[in-house]
Amino acid sequence: MKDASETNPFEELCTLAMQLLVLPWSNADVERLFSQMNLVKTKLRNRMGSKLLDSILTIKSGLRRQNIHLSYFVVSFSCFKKSST
């Protein structure tokens, strides 16, 4: 919406509304993420960095979206080969 001077008088209100609309309705997603993180990063793995932890959680969620159970997932040998780059 613009007024006669081609400016949007509600620009700040629109920005605020858009920021509020992207907030989650509940904290269930965050709690689920922390639960998954606690399963991966145990006392024995306490030196794991945040980059590795993020990568593992990303892979786990990607496999879950594809309905691949981690117990049955087989890593192919080509995954271990060094890339030429």
Protein backbone atom coordinates (compact mmCIF):
# COMPACT_ATOMS: atom_id res chain seq x y z
CA MET A 1 0.00 0.00 0.00
CA LYS A 2 1.30 3.43 -0.90
CA ASP A 3 -0.11 6.86 -0.33
CA ALA A 4 -0.18 9.82 -2.77
CA SER A 5 3.51 10.54 -2.16
CA GLU A 6 4.40 6.96 -3.15
CA THR A 7 5.50 6.03 0.39
CA ASN A 8 4.20 3.24 2.55
CA PRO A 9 2.95 4.77 5.82
CA PHE A 10 2.73 1.30 7.40
CA GLU A 11 6.19 0.05 6.43
CA GLU A 12 7.39 -0.41 10.02
CA LEU A 13 4.13 -2.11 10.97
CA CYS A 14 4.45 -4.48 7.99
CA THR A 15 8.02 -5.33 8.95
CA LEU A 16 6.99 -6.05 12.54
CA ALA A 17 4.04 -8.19 11.40
CA MET A 18 6.26 -10.24 9.08
CA GLN A 19 8.80 -10.83 11.86
CA LEU A 20 6.07 -11.95 14.25
CA LEU A 21 4.43 -14.27 11.72
CA VAL A 22 7.59 -16.35 11.28
CA LEU A 23 7.90 -17.14 14.99
CA PRO A 24 6.95 -20.71 15.94
CA TRP A 25 3.60 -21.20 17.66
CA SER A 26 5.10 -23.48 20.29
CA ASN A 27 8.51 -24.54 21.47
CA ALA A 28 7.94 -28.23 20.60
CA ASP A 29 10.30 -28.04 17.60
CA VAL A 30 13.05 -26.55 19.72
CA GLU A 31 12.57 -29.18 22.44
CA ARG A 32 12.67 -31.94 19.81
CA LEU A 33 15.94 -30.53 18.47
CA PHE A 34 17.50 -30.42 21.94
CA SER A 35 16.37 -33.99 22.53
CA GLN A 36 18.05 -35.13 19.30
CA MET A 37 21.17 -33.14 20.20
CA ASN A 38 21.38 -34.85 23.61
CA LEU A 39 21.17 -38.25 21.91
CA VAL A 40 24.09 -37.38 19.63
CA LYS A 41 26.31 -35.40 21.99
CA THR A 42 26.81 -37.61 25.03
CA LYS A 43 29.29 -37.40 27.90
CA LEU A 44 31.66 -39.59 25.89
CA ARG A 45 31.43 -37.20 22.93
CA ASN A 46 31.66 -33.97 24.92
CA ARG A 47 34.47 -32.55 22.76
CA MET A 48 32.37 -32.63 19.62
CA GLY A 49 32.31 -29.22 17.97
CA SER A 50 29.19 -27.40 16.94
CA LYS A 51 29.95 -27.77 13.22
CA LEU A 52 30.14 -31.58 13.45
CA LEU A 53 27.06 -31.71 15.68
CA ASP A 54 25.11 -29.56 13.20
CA SER A 55 26.21 -31.83 10.33
CA ILE A 56 25.14 -35.00 12.14
CA LEU A 57 21.75 -33.53 13.07
CA THR A 58 21.22 -32.36 9.49
CA ILE A 59 21.99 -35.82 8.12
CA LYS A 60 19.71 -37.48 10.68
CA SER A 61 16.81 -35.19 9.85
CA GLY A 62 17.35 -35.68 6.10
CA LEU A 63 17.29 -39.45 6.47
CA ARG A 64 14.19 -39.23 8.66
CA ARG A 65 12.42 -37.14 5.99
CA GLN A 66 13.19 -39.88 3.46
CA ASN A 67 11.91 -42.58 5.88
CA ILE A 68 15.32 -44.25 6.09
CA HIS A 69 15.94 -45.77 9.50
CA LEU A 70 19.49 -45.17 10.74
CA SER A 71 19.88 -48.78 11.90
CA TYR A 72 19.53 -50.05 8.34
CA PHE A 73 21.48 -47.31 6.55
CA VAL A 74 24.60 -48.58 4.81
CA VAL A 75 27.31 -46.11 3.87
CA SER A 76 28.72 -46.79 0.41
CA PHE A 77 32.47 -47.01 -0.09
CA SER A 78 32.40 -44.06 -2.49
CA CYS A 79 31.50 -41.78 0.42
CA PHE A 80 34.95 -42.42 1.90
CA LYS A 81 36.95 -41.63 -1.22
CA LYS A 82 38.74 -38.29 -1.26
CA SER A 83 37.41 -35.80 -3.74
CA SER A 84 39.80 -34.33 -6.31
CA THR A 85 38.98 -30.74 -5.25
